[in-house]
Amino acid sequence: MSTGVITSFTLIDFLNESEMTAFFVFVEKNMEGLSDELRANGMTKFYVTRVFNKNDKFTVGNWLEYKDADSYKACEAIWAKFMTEKGNKAGLIGKIAPHRCVVQYDYS
């Protein structure tokens, strides 16, 4: 794997607006502490977005960047622990599609 910037984006499709709203409540209660730990281990960006071009669907996108492959691996372990302790117990229902990438070009 490259030693460059690693990105992770995940799309989550919810059955209805109520399920998506419950996800946002979960984010507001849990992500600040998690993001502090992730930043300490090499995460450089963390966005939670509402996808608005999906017509009548209720889709959320999560975008994360890590400074390198080692940071991604360290943060992957933090995510696994978080999901075991809190995420899987939240009762949220959505179809999750994760994508992991190595940045090839950055025009920002």
Protein backbone atom coordinates (compact mmCIF):
# COMPACT_ATOMS: atom_id res chain seq x y z
CA MET A 1 0.00 0.00 0.00
CA SER A 2 1.11 3.55 -0.70
CA THR A 3 2.57 5.68 2.05
CA GLY A 4 0.49 8.64 0.80
CA VAL A 5 -2.78 10.02 2.08
CA ILE A 6 -5.48 7.38 2.63
CA THR A 7 -9.17 8.27 2.28
CA SER A 8 -12.19 6.39 3.49
CA PHE A 9 -15.70 7.23 2.43
CA THR A 10 -18.81 5.38 3.38
CA LEU A 11 -22.32 5.83 2.07
CA ILE A 12 -25.19 4.82 4.33
CA ASP A 13 -28.70 4.54 2.89
CA PHE A 14 -31.48 4.72 5.48
CA LEU A 15 -35.02 3.40 5.06
CA ASN A 16 -36.60 6.73 5.98
CA GLU A 17 -35.89 10.20 7.32
CA SER A 18 -36.53 9.11 10.90
CA GLU A 19 -33.73 6.49 10.75
CA MET A 20 -31.37 9.07 9.23
CA THR A 21 -32.25 11.59 11.93
CA ALA A 22 -31.53 8.95 14.60
CA PHE A 23 -28.10 8.49 13.01
CA PHE A 24 -27.41 12.24 13.24
CA VAL A 25 -28.42 12.20 16.93
CA PHE A 26 -25.98 9.30 17.46
CA VAL A 27 -23.24 11.29 15.70
CA GLU A 28 -23.85 14.36 17.86
CA LYS A 29 -23.59 12.27 21.03
CA ASN A 30 -20.58 10.14 20.09
CA MET A 31 -18.31 11.52 17.40
CA GLU A 32 -16.53 14.35 19.18
CA GLY A 33 -14.73 12.03 21.60
CA LEU A 34 -14.08 9.50 18.87
CA SER A 35 -12.67 12.14 16.53
CA ASP A 36 -10.28 13.35 19.26
CA GLU A 37 -8.85 9.85 19.52
CA LEU A 38 -8.69 9.43 15.74
CA ARG A 39 -6.88 12.77 15.28
CA ALA A 40 -4.30 11.73 17.88
CA ASN A 41 -3.61 8.67 15.70
CA GLY A 42 -3.26 10.39 12.32
CA MET A 43 -6.75 11.22 11.04
CA THR A 44 -6.62 14.60 9.29
CA LYS A 45 -10.24 15.10 8.13
CA PHE A 46 -13.61 13.75 9.20
CA TYR A 47 -16.83 14.87 7.53
CA VAL A 48 -20.36 13.60 8.06
CA THR A 49 -22.57 14.71 5.18
CA ARG A 50 -26.16 14.52 3.98
CA VAL A 51 -26.26 13.48 0.34
CA PHE A 52 -28.84 15.71 -1.35
CA ASN A 53 -28.78 14.51 -4.95
CA LYS A 54 -30.36 11.10 -4.29
CA ASN A 55 -33.97 12.24 -4.91
CA ASP A 56 -36.25 10.67 -2.29
CA LYS A 57 -33.53 8.59 -0.62
CA PHE A 58 -32.04 9.25 2.80
CA THR A 59 -28.29 8.92 2.37
CA VAL A 60 -25.43 9.99 4.61
CA GLY A 61 -21.80 10.11 3.55
CA ASN A 62 -18.82 9.89 5.89
CA TRP A 63 -15.46 11.10 4.55
CA LEU A 64 -12.22 10.58 6.44
CA GLU A 65 -8.59 11.21 5.55
CA TYR A 66 -5.53 9.76 7.23
CA LYS A 67 -1.98 11.04 6.81
CA ASP A 68 -0.67 7.62 5.71
CA ALA A 69 -1.24 3.86 5.76
CA ASP A 70 0.06 3.50 9.32
CA SER A 71 -2.42 6.12 10.55
CA TYR A 72 -5.23 4.35 8.72
CA LYS A 73 -4.33 1.02 10.37
CA ALA A 74 -4.18 2.62 13.83
CA CYS A 75 -7.53 4.34 13.31
CA GLU A 76 -9.10 1.19 11.86
CA ALA A 77 -8.49 -0.48 15.24
CA ILE A 78 -10.09 2.48 17.02
CA TRP A 79 -13.13 2.25 14.72
CA ALA A 80 -13.44 -1.50 15.36
CA LYS A 81 -13.45 -0.93 19.13
CA PHE A 82 -15.96 1.93 18.80
CA MET A 83 -18.32 -0.14 16.66
CA THR A 84 -18.18 -3.04 19.13
CA GLU A 85 -18.78 -0.83 22.16
CA LYS A 86 -21.29 1.70 20.76
CA GLY A 87 -22.03 1.49 17.06
CA ASN A 88 -23.45 -2.02 16.86
CA LYS A 89 -25.57 -1.42 19.96
CA ALA A 90 -27.21 1.77 18.66
CA GLY A 91 -29.91 -0.09 16.73
CA LEU A 92 -29.51 2.02 13.61
CA ILE A 93 -30.70 0.43 10.39
CA GLY A 94 -28.99 1.35 7.14
CA LYS A 95 -27.28 -0.18 4.14
CA ILE A 96 -23.55 0.57 4.43
CA ALA A 97 -21.18 0.79 1.44
CA PRO A 98 -17.56 1.45 2.51
CA HIS A 99 -14.81 2.55 0.10
CA ARG A 100 -11.08 2.87 0.88
CA CYS A 101 -8.71 4.77 -1.43
CA VAL A 102 -5.18 6.02 -1.89
CA VAL A 103 -5.06 9.63 -3.11
CA GLN A 104 -3.60 9.70 -6.60
CA TYR A 105 -3.93 13.46 -7.27
CA ASP A 106 -4.80 16.41 -5.03
CA TYR A 107 -5.82 19.67 -6.70
CA SER A 108 -6.97 21.45 -3.53
